[in-house]
Amino acid sequence: MKLGVVEAQFADIIWENEPLPSGELVKLCAEKLEWKKSTTYTVLKKLCDRGIFQNVDGVVTSVLSKQEFAAAQSEQFVEEAFGGSLPAFIAAFASSKQLSVDEIKEIRKMMDSFEEE
């Protein structure tokens, strides 16, 4: 689940404006990305085929929210780079970046809330 730079800009247009008539998406992509209609529909189809967006009766919406997509990307990264071990990822991250006291408190608070669920 990776997006290139331009695909990410395109995805942001959808996430920021959904639900979005496909004709309006074409206009926004022409303005913001300088795309032709055919380019917009080609990239839209590609991302629909990947299960990120859908185009039903000419209305474009997300299948995955921006947050859900980011979570899926994060999971994939941890799986590929750390064999799925979240503790190994956290250890690698924390050893390369000095965490502030506030960041540590925030992480503890998140972990406590997950434990309660």
PDB file of N, CA and C in Angstrom:
ATOM      1  N   MET A   1       0.834  -1.192   0.000  1.00  0.00           N
ATOM      2  CA  MET A   1       0.000   0.000   0.000  1.00  0.00           C
ATOM      3  C   MET A   1       0.866   1.239   0.000  1.00  0.00           C
ATOM      4  N   LYS A   2       1.403   1.553  -1.125  1.00  0.00           N
ATOM      5  CA  LYS A   2       2.238   2.740  -1.235  1.00  0.00           C
ATOM      6  C   LYS A   2       1.700   3.631  -2.330  1.00  0.00           C
ATOM      7  N   LEU A   3       1.855   4.919  -2.133  1.00  0.00           N
ATOM      8  CA  LEU A   3       1.476   5.897  -3.143  1.00  0.00           C
ATOM      9  C   LEU A   3       2.710   6.700  -3.516  1.00  0.00           C
ATOM     10  N   GLY A   4       2.846   6.963  -4.799  1.00  0.00           N
ATOM     11  CA  GLY A   4       3.885   7.878  -5.238  1.00  0.00           C
ATOM     12  C   GLY A   4       3.516   9.290  -4.833  1.00  0.00           C
ATOM     13  N   VAL A   5       4.415  10.213  -5.046  1.00  0.00           N
ATOM     14  CA  VAL A   5       4.195  11.603  -4.636  1.00  0.00           C
ATOM     15  C   VAL A   5       2.942  12.178  -5.302  1.00  0.00           C
ATOM     16  N   VAL A   6       2.816  11.981  -6.606  1.00  0.00           N
ATOM     17  CA  VAL A   6       1.674  12.543  -7.336  1.00  0.00           C
ATOM     18  C   VAL A   6       0.389  11.802  -6.964  1.00  0.00           C
ATOM     19  N   GLU A   7       0.482  10.487  -6.792  1.00  0.00           N
ATOM     20  CA  GLU A   7      -0.698   9.726  -6.357  1.00  0.00           C
ATOM     21  C   GLU A   7      -1.165  10.204  -4.986  1.00  0.00           C
ATOM     22  N   ALA A   8      -0.229  10.530  -4.109  1.00  0.00           N
ATOM     23  CA  ALA A   8      -0.590  11.024  -2.780  1.00  0.00           C
ATOM     24  C   ALA A   8      -1.292  12.380  -2.870  1.00  0.00           C
ATOM     25  N   GLN A   9      -0.833  13.243  -3.766  1.00  0.00           N
ATOM     26  CA  GLN A   9      -1.498  14.538  -3.970  1.00  0.00           C
ATOM     27  C   GLN A   9      -2.915  14.318  -4.487  1.00  0.00           C
ATOM     28  N   PHE A  10      -3.058  13.391  -5.417  1.00  0.00           N
ATOM     29  CA  PHE A  10      -4.366  13.050  -5.972  1.00  0.00           C
ATOM     30  C   PHE A  10      -5.286  12.511  -4.863  1.00  0.00           C
ATOM     31  N   ALA A  11      -4.745  11.595  -4.060  1.00  0.00           N
ATOM     32  CA  ALA A  11      -5.534  11.009  -2.970  1.00  0.00           C
ATOM     33  C   ALA A  11      -5.983  12.089  -1.996  1.00  0.00           C
ATOM     34  N   ASP A  12      -5.099  13.025  -1.688  1.00  0.00           N
ATOM     35  CA  ASP A  12      -5.465  14.110  -0.776  1.00  0.00           C
ATOM     36  C   ASP A  12      -6.612  14.950  -1.327  1.00  0.00           C
ATOM     37  N   ILE A  13      -6.629  15.166  -2.620  1.00  0.00           N
ATOM     38  CA  ILE A  13      -7.735  15.914  -3.240  1.00  0.00           C
ATOM     39  C   ILE A  13      -9.052  15.199  -2.963  1.00  0.00           C
ATOM     40  N   ILE A  14      -9.047  13.888  -3.122  1.00  0.00           N
ATOM     41  CA  ILE A  14     -10.278  13.123  -2.878  1.00  0.00           C
ATOM     42  C   ILE A  14     -10.635  13.163  -1.396  1.00  0.00           C
ATOM     43  N   TRP A  15      -9.676  12.842  -0.526  1.00  0.00           N
ATOM     44  CA  TRP A  15      -9.964  12.815   0.911  1.00  0.00           C
ATOM     45  C   TRP A  15     -10.462  14.162   1.419  1.00  0.00           C
ATOM     46  N   GLU A  16      -9.956  15.249   0.880  1.00  0.00           N
ATOM     47  CA  GLU A  16     -10.356  16.585   1.337  1.00  0.00           C
ATOM     48  C   GLU A  16     -11.711  17.027   0.801  1.00  0.00           C
ATOM     49  N   ASN A  17     -12.202  16.390  -0.274  1.00  0.00           N
ATOM     50  CA  ASN A  17     -13.418  16.877  -0.934  1.00  0.00           C
ATOM     51  C   ASN A  17     -14.534  15.844  -1.042  1.00  0.00           C
ATOM     52  N   GLU A  18     -14.323  14.639  -0.555  1.00  0.00           N
ATOM     53  CA  GLU A  18     -15.330  13.596  -0.747  1.00  0.00           C
ATOM     54  C   GLU A  18     -16.590  13.844   0.068  1.00  0.00           C
ATOM     55  N   PRO A  19     -17.727  13.333  -0.391  1.00  0.00           N
ATOM     56  CA  PRO A  19     -17.973  12.687  -1.680  1.00  0.00           C
ATOM     57  C   PRO A  19     -17.848  13.712  -2.806  1.00  0.00           C
ATOM     58  N   LEU A  20     -17.342  13.221  -3.920  1.00  0.00           N
ATOM     59  CA  LEU A  20     -16.942  14.124  -4.993  1.00  0.00           C
ATOM     60  C   LEU A  20     -17.423  13.600  -6.343  1.00  0.00           C
ATOM     61  N   PRO A  21     -18.264  14.360  -7.038  1.00  0.00           N
ATOM     62  CA  PRO A  21     -18.641  13.933  -8.394  1.00  0.00           C
ATOM     63  C   PRO A  21     -17.381  13.817  -9.258  1.00  0.00           C
ATOM     64  N   SER A  22     -17.305  12.806 -10.080  1.00  0.00           N
ATOM     65  CA  SER A  22     -16.090  12.579 -10.864  1.00  0.00           C
ATOM     66  C   SER A  22     -15.759  13.767 -11.766  1.00  0.00           C
ATOM     67  N   GLY A  23     -16.755  14.459 -12.261  1.00  0.00           N
ATOM     68  CA  GLY A  23     -16.516  15.650 -13.086  1.00  0.00           C
ATOM     69  C   GLY A  23     -15.829  16.751 -12.292  1.00  0.00           C
ATOM     70  N   GLU A  24     -16.217  16.887 -11.039  1.00  0.00           N
ATOM     71  CA  GLU A  24     -15.574  17.873 -10.160  1.00  0.00           C
ATOM     72  C   GLU A  24     -14.136  17.460  -9.868  1.00  0.00           C
ATOM     73  N   LEU A  25     -13.897  16.165  -9.713  1.00  0.00           N
ATOM     74  CA  LEU A  25     -12.538  15.668  -9.502  1.00  0.00           C
ATOM     75  C   LEU A  25     -11.656  16.017 -10.698  1.00  0.00           C
ATOM     76  N   VAL A  26     -12.196  15.863 -11.894  1.00  0.00           N
ATOM     77  CA  VAL A  26     -11.445  16.218 -13.106  1.00  0.00           C
ATOM     78  C   VAL A  26     -11.061  17.693 -13.071  1.00  0.00           C
ATOM     79  N   LYS A  27     -12.002  18.558 -12.674  1.00  0.00           N
ATOM     80  CA  LYS A  27     -11.723  20.002 -12.605  1.00  0.00           C
ATOM     81  C   LYS A  27     -10.647  20.313 -11.562  1.00  0.00           C
ATOM     82  N   LEU A  28     -10.760  19.692 -10.392  1.00  0.00           N
ATOM     83  CA  LEU A  28      -9.783  19.933  -9.334  1.00  0.00           C
ATOM     84  C   LEU A  28      -8.381  19.458  -9.738  1.00  0.00           C
ATOM     85  N   CYS A  29      -8.321  18.325 -10.411  1.00  0.00           N
ATOM     86  CA  CYS A  29      -7.021  17.801 -10.858  1.00  0.00           C
ATOM     87  C   CYS A  29      -6.432  18.668 -11.969  1.00  0.00           C
ATOM     88  N   ALA A  30      -7.285  19.237 -12.803  1.00  0.00           N
ATOM     89  CA  ALA A  30      -6.796  20.155 -13.838  1.00  0.00           C
ATOM     90  C   ALA A  30      -6.187  21.398 -13.186  1.00  0.00           C
ATOM     91  N   GLU A  31      -6.863  21.908 -12.149  1.00  0.00           N
ATOM     92  CA  GLU A  31      -6.388  23.104 -11.447  1.00  0.00           C
ATOM     93  C   GLU A  31      -5.119  22.839 -10.635  1.00  0.00           C
ATOM     94  N   LYS A  32      -5.152  21.782  -9.830  1.00  0.00           N
ATOM     95  CA  LYS A  32      -4.091  21.558  -8.860  1.00  0.00           C
ATOM     96  C   LYS A  32      -2.909  20.746  -9.394  1.00  0.00           C
ATOM     97  N   LEU A  33      -3.193  19.850 -10.328  1.00  0.00           N
ATOM     98  CA  LEU A  33      -2.137  18.968 -10.822  1.00  0.00           C
ATOM     99  C   LEU A  33      -1.821  19.180 -12.300  1.00  0.00           C
ATOM    100  N   GLU A  34      -2.627  20.037 -12.945  1.00  0.00           N
ATOM    101  CA  GLU A  34      -2.493  20.304 -14.380  1.00  0.00           C
ATOM    102  C   GLU A  34      -2.669  19.027 -15.211  1.00  0.00           C
ATOM    103  N   TRP A  35      -3.629  18.207 -14.791  1.00  0.00           N
ATOM    104  CA  TRP A  35      -3.909  16.944 -15.467  1.00  0.00           C
ATOM    105  C   TRP A  35      -5.018  17.096 -16.486  1.00  0.00           C
ATOM    106  N   LYS A  36      -4.966  16.251 -17.501  1.00  0.00           N
ATOM    107  CA  LYS A  36      -6.070  16.123 -18.449  1.00  0.00           C
ATOM    108  C   LYS A  36      -7.079  15.146 -17.863  1.00  0.00           C
ATOM    109  N   LYS A  37      -8.269  15.180 -18.417  1.00  0.00           N
ATOM    110  CA  LYS A  37      -9.353  14.307 -17.959  1.00  0.00           C
ATOM    111  C   LYS A  37      -8.920  12.845 -17.981  1.00  0.00           C
ATOM    112  N   SER A  38      -8.258  12.429 -19.056  1.00  0.00           N
ATOM    113  CA  SER A  38      -7.868  11.021 -19.189  1.00  0.00           C
ATOM    114  C   SER A  38      -6.875  10.602 -18.099  1.00  0.00           C
ATOM    115  N   THR A  39      -5.982  11.494 -17.714  1.00  0.00           N
ATOM    116  CA  THR A  39      -5.018  11.182 -16.656  1.00  0.00           C
ATOM    117  C   THR A  39      -5.737  10.984 -15.334  1.00  0.00           C
ATOM    118  N   THR A  40      -6.681  11.864 -15.044  1.00  0.00           N
ATOM    119  CA  THR A  40      -7.450  11.752 -13.804  1.00  0.00           C
ATOM    120  C   THR A  40      -8.156  10.415 -13.728  1.00  0.00           C
ATOM    121  N   TYR A  41      -8.836  10.034 -14.811  1.00  0.00           N
ATOM    122  CA  TYR A  41      -9.582   8.778 -14.790  1.00  0.00           C
ATOM    123  C   TYR A  41      -8.663   7.564 -14.756  1.00  0.00           C
ATOM    124  N   THR A  42      -7.497   7.661 -15.370  1.00  0.00           N
ATOM    125  CA  THR A  42      -6.541   6.543 -15.341  1.00  0.00           C
ATOM    126  C   THR A  42      -6.037   6.312 -13.918  1.00  0.00           C
ATOM    127  N   VAL A  43      -5.646   7.395 -13.240  1.00  0.00           N
ATOM    128  CA  VAL A  43      -5.138   7.262 -11.872  1.00  0.00           C
ATOM    129  C   VAL A  43      -6.269   6.864 -10.929  1.00  0.00           C
ATOM    130  N   LEU A  44      -7.451   7.406 -11.124  1.00  0.00           N
ATOM    131  CA  LEU A  44      -8.597   7.027 -10.291  1.00  0.00           C
ATOM    132  C   LEU A  44      -8.867   5.532 -10.417  1.00  0.00           C
ATOM    133  N   LYS A  45      -8.883   5.012 -11.635  1.00  0.00           N
ATOM    134  CA  LYS A  45      -9.132   3.575 -11.829  1.00  0.00           C
ATOM    135  C   LYS A  45      -8.069   2.744 -11.130  1.00  0.00           C
ATOM    136  N   LYS A  46      -6.830   3.162 -11.252  1.00  0.00           N
ATOM    137  CA  LYS A  46      -5.720   2.442 -10.618  1.00  0.00           C
ATOM    138  C   LYS A  46      -5.915   2.375  -9.102  1.00  0.00           C
ATOM    139  N   LEU A  47      -6.277   3.501  -8.494  1.00  0.00           N
ATOM    140  CA  LEU A  47      -6.447   3.523  -7.041  1.00  0.00           C
ATOM    141  C   LEU A  47      -7.741   2.857  -6.596  1.00  0.00           C
ATOM    142  N   CYS A  48      -8.733   2.839  -7.468  1.00  0.00           N
ATOM    143  CA  CYS A  48      -9.952   2.072  -7.179  1.00  0.00           C
ATOM    144  C   CYS A  48      -9.647   0.571  -7.218  1.00  0.00           C
ATOM    145  N   ASP A  49      -8.866   0.164  -8.207  1.00  0.00           N
ATOM    146  CA  ASP A  49      -8.483  -1.251  -8.324  1.00  0.00           C
ATOM    147  C   ASP A  49      -7.668  -1.705  -7.116  1.00  0.00           C
ATOM    148  N   ARG A  50      -6.940  -0.784  -6.509  1.00  0.00           N
ATOM    149  CA  ARG A  50      -6.140  -1.109  -5.324  1.00  0.00           C
ATOM    150  C   ARG A  50      -6.965  -1.050  -4.039  1.00  0.00           C
ATOM    151  N   GLY A  51      -8.247  -0.690  -4.152  1.00  0.00           N
ATOM    152  CA  GLY A  51      -9.143  -0.714  -3.007  1.00  0.00           C
ATOM    153  C   GLY A  51      -9.068   0.491  -2.094  1.00  0.00           C
ATOM    154  N   ILE A  52      -8.517   1.584  -2.600  1.00  0.00           N
ATOM    155  CA  ILE A  52      -8.404   2.789  -1.778  1.00  0.00           C
ATOM    156  C   ILE A  52      -9.622   3.691  -1.964  1.00  0.00           C
ATOM    157  N   PHE A  53     -10.083   3.798  -3.215  1.00  0.00           N
ATOM    158  CA  PHE A  53     -11.241   4.629  -3.541  1.00  0.00           C
ATOM    159  C   PHE A  53     -12.261   3.814  -4.323  1.00  0.00           C
ATOM    160  N   GLN A  54     -13.440   4.406  -4.487  1.00  0.00           N
ATOM    161  CA  GLN A  54     -14.468   3.805  -5.334  1.00  0.00           C
ATOM    162  C   GLN A  54     -15.169   4.913  -6.109  1.00  0.00           C
ATOM    163  N   ASN A  55     -15.644   4.540  -7.284  1.00  0.00           N
ATOM    164  CA  ASN A  55     -16.382   5.470  -8.136  1.00  0.00           C
ATOM    165  C   ASN A  55     -17.709   4.794  -8.458  1.00  0.00           C
ATOM    166  N   VAL A  56     -18.734   5.159  -7.708  1.00  0.00           N
ATOM    167  CA  VAL A  56     -20.047   4.534  -7.862  1.00  0.00           C
ATOM    168  C   VAL A  56     -21.013   5.572  -8.420  1.00  0.00           C
ATOM    169  N   ASP A  57     -21.539   5.277  -9.596  1.00  0.00           N
ATOM    170  CA  ASP A  57     -22.496   6.177 -10.260  1.00  0.00           C
ATOM    171  C   ASP A  57     -21.937   7.599 -10.397  1.00  0.00           C
ATOM    172  N   GLY A  58     -20.626   7.688 -10.673  1.00  0.00           N
ATOM    173  CA  GLY A  58     -20.005   8.983 -10.914  1.00  0.00           C
ATOM    174  C   GLY A  58     -19.671   9.777  -9.668  1.00  0.00           C
ATOM    175  N   VAL A  59     -19.778   9.147  -8.504  1.00  0.00           N
ATOM    176  CA  VAL A  59     -19.422   9.814  -7.252  1.00  0.00           C
ATOM    177  C   VAL A  59     -18.231   9.085  -6.639  1.00  0.00           C
ATOM    178  N   VAL A  60     -17.154   9.818  -6.418  1.00  0.00           N
ATOM    179  CA  VAL A  60     -15.922   9.251  -5.897  1.00  0.00           C
ATOM    180  C   VAL A  60     -15.887   9.409  -4.383  1.00  0.00           C
ATOM    181  N   THR A  61     -15.639   8.293  -3.699  1.00  0.00           N
ATOM    182  CA  THR A  61     -15.488   8.285  -2.250  1.00  0.00           C
ATOM    183  C   THR A  61     -14.336   7.358  -1.886  1.00  0.00           C
ATOM    184  N   SER A  62     -13.895   7.472  -0.646  1.00  0.00           N
ATOM    185  CA  SER A  62     -12.811   6.607  -0.199  1.00  0.00           C
ATOM    186  C   SER A  62     -13.377   5.306   0.354  1.00  0.00           C
ATOM    187  N   VAL A  63     -12.634   4.251   0.131  1.00  0.00           N
ATOM    188  CA  VAL A  63     -12.900   2.978   0.783  1.00  0.00           C
ATOM    189  C   VAL A  63     -12.123   2.970   2.099  1.00  0.00           C
ATOM    190  N   LEU A  64     -10.921   3.527   2.039  1.00  0.00           N
ATOM    191  CA  LEU A  64     -10.078   3.702   3.217  1.00  0.00           C
ATOM    192  C   LEU A  64      -9.930   5.196   3.493  1.00  0.00           C
ATOM    193  N   SER A  65     -10.158   5.599   4.737  1.00  0.00           N
ATOM    194  CA  SER A  65      -9.911   6.993   5.096  1.00  0.00           C
ATOM    195  C   SER A  65      -8.409   7.237   5.053  1.00  0.00           C
ATOM    196  N   LYS A  66      -8.025   8.492   5.094  1.00  0.00           N
ATOM    197  CA  LYS A  66      -6.601   8.823   5.086  1.00  0.00           C
ATOM    198  C   LYS A  66      -5.905   8.170   6.285  1.00  0.00           C
ATOM    199  N   GLN A  67      -6.561   8.176   7.429  1.00  0.00           N
ATOM    200  CA  GLN A  67      -5.997   7.582   8.637  1.00  0.00           C
ATOM    201  C   GLN A  67      -5.891   6.056   8.491  1.00  0.00           C
ATOM    202  N   GLU A  68      -6.908   5.426   7.937  1.00  0.00           N
ATOM    203  CA  GLU A  68      -6.865   3.969   7.728  1.00  0.00           C
ATOM    204  C   GLU A  68      -5.763   3.594   6.741  1.00  0.00           C
ATOM    205  N   PHE A  69      -5.596   4.405   5.707  1.00  0.00           N
ATOM    206  CA  PHE A  69      -4.545   4.150   4.734  1.00  0.00           C
ATOM    207  C   PHE A  69      -3.172   4.267   5.385  1.00  0.00           C
ATOM    208  N   ALA A  70      -2.972   5.313   6.200  1.00  0.00           N
ATOM    209  CA  ALA A  70      -1.697   5.496   6.886  1.00  0.00           C
ATOM    210  C   ALA A  70      -1.417   4.330   7.832  1.00  0.00           C
ATOM    211  N   ALA A  71      -2.450   3.847   8.508  1.00  0.00           N
ATOM    212  CA  ALA A  71      -2.282   2.703   9.410  1.00  0.00           C
ATOM    213  C   ALA A  71      -1.880   1.455   8.628  1.00  0.00           C
ATOM    214  N   ALA A  72      -2.507   1.244   7.472  1.00  0.00           N
ATOM    215  CA  ALA A  72      -2.161   0.087   6.638  1.00  0.00           C
ATOM    216  C   ALA A  72      -0.724   0.186   6.139  1.00  0.00           C
ATOM    217  N   GLN A  73      -0.302   1.386   5.749  1.00  0.00           N
ATOM    218  CA  GLN A  73       1.085   1.592   5.319  1.00  0.00           C
ATOM    219  C   GLN A  73       2.052   1.295   6.459  1.00  0.00           C
ATOM    220  N   SER A  74       1.719   1.756   7.643  1.00  0.00           N
ATOM    221  CA  SER A  74       2.576   1.540   8.809  1.00  0.00           C
ATOM    222  C   SER A  74       2.698   0.052   9.128  1.00  0.00           C
ATOM    223  N   GLU A  75       1.570  -0.637   9.105  1.00  0.00           N
ATOM    224  CA  GLU A  75       1.583  -2.076   9.353  1.00  0.00           C
ATOM    225  C   GLU A  75       2.454  -2.802   8.333  1.00  0.00           C
ATOM    226  N   GLN A  76       2.306  -2.428   7.078  1.00  0.00           N
ATOM    227  CA  GLN A  76       3.089  -3.056   6.019  1.00  0.00           C
ATOM    228  C   GLN A  76       4.579  -2.801   6.226  1.00  0.00           C
ATOM    229  N   PHE A  77       4.930  -1.581   6.591  1.00  0.00           N
ATOM    230  CA  PHE A  77       6.326  -1.244   6.827  1.00  0.00           C
ATOM    231  C   PHE A  77       6.905  -2.069   7.979  1.00  0.00           C
ATOM    232  N   VAL A  78       6.182  -2.135   9.086  1.00  0.00           N
ATOM    233  CA  VAL A  78       6.655  -2.897  10.243  1.00  0.00           C
ATOM    234  C   VAL A  78       6.791  -4.374   9.869  1.00  0.00           C
ATOM    235  N   GLU A  79       5.856  -4.883   9.104  1.00  0.00           N
ATOM    236  CA  GLU A  79       5.911  -6.278   8.673  1.00  0.00           C
ATOM    237  C   GLU A  79       7.144  -6.532   7.811  1.00  0.00           C
ATOM    238  N   GLU A  80       7.371  -5.672   6.831  1.00  0.00           N
ATOM    239  CA  GLU A  80       8.481  -5.869   5.902  1.00  0.00           C
ATOM    240  C   GLU A  80       9.840  -5.608   6.540  1.00  0.00           C
ATOM    241  N   ALA A  81       9.955  -4.557   7.328  1.00  0.00           N
ATOM    242  CA  ALA A  81      11.254  -4.143   7.851  1.00  0.00           C
ATOM    243  C   ALA A  81      11.622  -4.801   9.185  1.00  0.00           C
ATOM    244  N   PHE A  82      10.616  -5.190   9.968  1.00  0.00           N
ATOM    245  CA  PHE A  82      10.892  -5.697  11.305  1.00  0.00           C
ATOM    246  C   PHE A  82      10.207  -7.037  11.576  1.00  0.00           C
ATOM    247  N   GLY A  83       9.847  -7.747  10.508  1.00  0.00           N
ATOM    248  CA  GLY A  83       9.216  -9.057  10.675  1.00  0.00           C
ATOM    249  C   GLY A  83       7.926  -9.002  11.455  1.00  0.00           C
ATOM    250  N   GLY A  84       7.248  -7.854  11.400  1.00  0.00           N
ATOM    251  CA  GLY A  84       5.972  -7.698  12.094  1.00  0.00           C
ATOM    252  C   GLY A  84       6.099  -7.371  13.571  1.00  0.00           C
ATOM    253  N   SER A  85       7.309  -7.195  14.054  1.00  0.00           N
ATOM    254  CA  SER A  85       7.525  -6.937  15.483  1.00  0.00           C
ATOM    255  C   SER A  85       7.453  -5.443  15.784  1.00  0.00           C
ATOM    256  N   LEU A  86       6.368  -5.025  16.405  1.00  0.00           N
ATOM    257  CA  LEU A  86       6.221  -3.628  16.797  1.00  0.00           C
ATOM    258  C   LEU A  86       7.264  -3.235  17.852  1.00  0.00           C
ATOM    259  N   PRO A  87       7.550  -4.083  18.851  1.00  0.00           N
ATOM    260  CA  PRO A  87       8.608  -3.721  19.804  1.00  0.00           C
ATOM    261  C   PRO A  87       9.967  -3.500  19.119  1.00  0.00           C
ATOM    262  N   ALA A  88      10.294  -4.299  18.105  1.00  0.00           N
ATOM    263  CA  ALA A  88      11.567  -4.111  17.388  1.00  0.00           C
ATOM    264  C   ALA A  88      11.565  -2.771  16.657  1.00  0.00           C
ATOM    265  N   PHE A  89      10.432  -2.410  16.060  1.00  0.00           N
ATOM    266  CA  PHE A  89      10.326  -1.114  15.389  1.00  0.00           C
ATOM    267  C   PHE A  89      10.510   0.030  16.384  1.00  0.00           C
ATOM    268  N   ILE A  90       9.809  -0.050  17.500  1.00  0.00           N
ATOM    269  CA  ILE A  90       9.887   1.018  18.505  1.00  0.00           C
ATOM    270  C   ILE A  90      11.311   1.145  19.044  1.00  0.00           C
ATOM    271  N   ALA A  91      11.956   0.009  19.291  1.00  0.00           N
ATOM    272  CA  ALA A  91      13.333   0.038  19.784  1.00  0.00           C
ATOM    273  C   ALA A  91      14.258   0.708  18.768  1.00  0.00           C
ATOM    274  N   ALA A  92      14.099   0.365  17.492  1.00  0.00           N
ATOM    275  CA  ALA A  92      14.935   0.969  16.447  1.00  0.00           C
ATOM    276  C   ALA A  92      14.655   2.456  16.330  1.00  0.00           C
ATOM    277  N   PHE A  93      13.408   2.837  16.377  1.00  0.00           N
ATOM    278  CA  PHE A  93      13.035   4.244  16.262  1.00  0.00           C
ATOM    279  C   PHE A  93      13.553   5.042  17.454  1.00  0.00           C
ATOM    280  N   ALA A  94      13.314   4.515  18.655  1.00  0.00           N
ATOM    281  CA  ALA A  94      13.696   5.240  19.869  1.00  0.00           C
ATOM    282  C   ALA A  94      15.209   5.349  20.011  1.00  0.00           C
ATOM    283  N   SER A  95      15.937   4.367  19.499  1.00  0.00           N
ATOM    284  CA  SER A  95      17.397   4.432  19.633  1.00  0.00           C
ATOM    285  C   SER A  95      18.019   5.427  18.655  1.00  0.00           C
ATOM    286  N   SER A  96      17.304   5.745  17.584  1.00  0.00           N
ATOM    287  CA  SER A  96      17.858   6.681  16.602  1.00  0.00           C
ATOM    288  C   SER A  96      17.354   8.108  16.778  1.00  0.00           C
ATOM    289  N   LYS A  97      16.338   8.287  17.601  1.00  0.00           N
ATOM    290  CA  LYS A  97      15.766   9.617  17.820  1.00  0.00           C
ATOM    291  C   LYS A  97      15.546   9.806  19.311  1.00  0.00           C
ATOM    292  N   GLN A  98      16.092  10.856  19.853  1.00  0.00           N
ATOM    293  CA  GLN A  98      15.902  11.140  21.271  1.00  0.00           C
ATOM    294  C   GLN A  98      14.462  11.583  21.499  1.00  0.00           C
ATOM    295  N   LEU A  99      13.711  10.796  22.256  1.00  0.00           N
ATOM    296  CA  LEU A  99      12.324  11.135  22.552  1.00  0.00           C
ATOM    297  C   LEU A  99      12.279  12.132  23.705  1.00  0.00           C
ATOM    298  N   SER A 100      11.388  13.100  23.575  1.00  0.00           N
ATOM    299  CA  SER A 100      11.223  14.069  24.659  1.00  0.00           C
ATOM    300  C   SER A 100      10.401  13.429  25.777  1.00  0.00           C
ATOM    301  N   VAL A 101      10.423  14.040  26.926  1.00  0.00           N
ATOM    302  CA  VAL A 101       9.628  13.557  28.057  1.00  0.00           C
ATOM    303  C   VAL A 101       8.148  13.555  27.681  1.00  0.00           C
ATOM    304  N   ASP A 102       7.694  14.592  26.983  1.00  0.00           N
ATOM    305  CA  ASP A 102       6.290  14.677  26.579  1.00  0.00           C
ATOM    306  C   ASP A 102       5.930  13.562  25.597  1.00  0.00           C
ATOM    307  N   GLU A 103       6.840  13.246  24.672  1.00  0.00           N
ATOM    308  CA  GLU A 103       6.578  12.164  23.724  1.00  0.00           C
ATOM    309  C   GLU A 103       6.479  10.824  24.443  1.00  0.00           C
ATOM    310  N   ILE A 104       7.344  10.600  25.393  1.00  0.00           N
ATOM    311  CA  ILE A 104       7.310   9.351  26.169  1.00  0.00           C
ATOM    312  C   ILE A 104       5.995   9.255  26.946  1.00  0.00           C
ATOM    313  N   LYS A 105       5.575  10.348  27.558  1.00  0.00           N
ATOM    314  CA  LYS A 105       4.302  10.360  28.292  1.00  0.00           C
ATOM    315  C   LYS A 105       3.133  10.065  27.352  1.00  0.00           C
ATOM    316  N   GLU A 106       3.164  10.671  26.171  1.00  0.00           N
ATOM    317  CA  GLU A 106       2.094  10.459  25.195  1.00  0.00           C
ATOM    318  C   GLU A 106       2.042   9.002  24.743  1.00  0.00           C
ATOM    319  N   ILE A 107       3.203   8.412  24.511  1.00  0.00           N
ATOM    320  CA  ILE A 107       3.258   7.000  24.107  1.00  0.00           C
ATOM    321  C   ILE A 107       2.731   6.109  25.223  1.00  0.00           C
ATOM    322  N   ARG A 108       3.133   6.391  26.454  1.00  0.00           N
ATOM    323  CA  ARG A 108       2.626   5.609  27.599  1.00  0.00           C
ATOM    324  C   ARG A 108       1.106   5.717  27.706  1.00  0.00           C
ATOM    325  N   LYS A 109       0.607   6.926  27.526  1.00  0.00           N
ATOM    326  CA  LYS A 109      -0.843   7.146  27.602  1.00  0.00           C
ATOM    327  C   LYS A 109      -1.568   6.344  26.519  1.00  0.00           C
ATOM    328  N   MET A 110      -1.023   6.345  25.299  1.00  0.00           N
ATOM    329  CA  MET A 110      -1.624   5.557  24.213  1.00  0.00           C
ATOM    330  C   MET A 110      -1.603   4.073  24.549  1.00  0.00           C
ATOM    331  N   MET A 111      -0.466   3.588  25.032  1.00  0.00           N
ATOM    332  CA  MET A 111      -0.345   2.167  25.355  1.00  0.00           C
ATOM    333  C   MET A 111      -1.330   1.782  26.456  1.00  0.00           C
ATOM    334  N   ASP A 112      -1.474   2.641  27.466  1.00  0.00           N
ATOM    335  CA  ASP A 112      -2.433   2.380  28.544  1.00  0.00           C
ATOM    336  C   ASP A 112      -3.853   2.314  28.001  1.00  0.00           C
ATOM    337  N   SER A 113      -4.191   3.196  27.078  1.00  0.00           N
ATOM    338  CA  SER A 113      -5.548   3.199  26.528  1.00  0.00           C
ATOM    339  C   SER A 113      -5.805   1.945  25.701  1.00  0.00           C
ATOM    340  N   PHE A 114      -4.785   1.440  25.004  1.00  0.00           N
ATOM    341  CA  PHE A 114      -4.942   0.209  24.223  1.00  0.00           C
ATOM    342  C   PHE A 114      -5.113  -0.990  25.155  1.00  0.00           C
ATOM    343  N   GLU A 115      -4.420  -0.954  26.273  1.00  0.00           N
ATOM    344  CA  GLU A 115      -4.502  -2.040  27.239  1.00  0.00           C
ATOM    345  C   GLU A 115      -5.892  -2.109  27.864  1.00  0.00           C
ATOM    346  N   GLU A 116      -6.524  -0.958  28.070  1.00  0.00           N
ATOM    347  CA  GLU A 116      -7.868  -0.893  28.639  1.00  0.00           C
ATOM    348  C   GLU A 116      -8.917  -1.451  27.709  1.00  0.00           C
ATOM    349  N   GLU A 117      -8.691  -1.329  26.411  1.00  0.00           N
ATOM    350  CA  GLU A 117      -9.656  -1.820  25.421  1.00  0.00           C
ATOM    351  C   GLU A 117      -9.611  -3.304  25.422  1.00  0.00           C
TER     352      GLU A 117
END
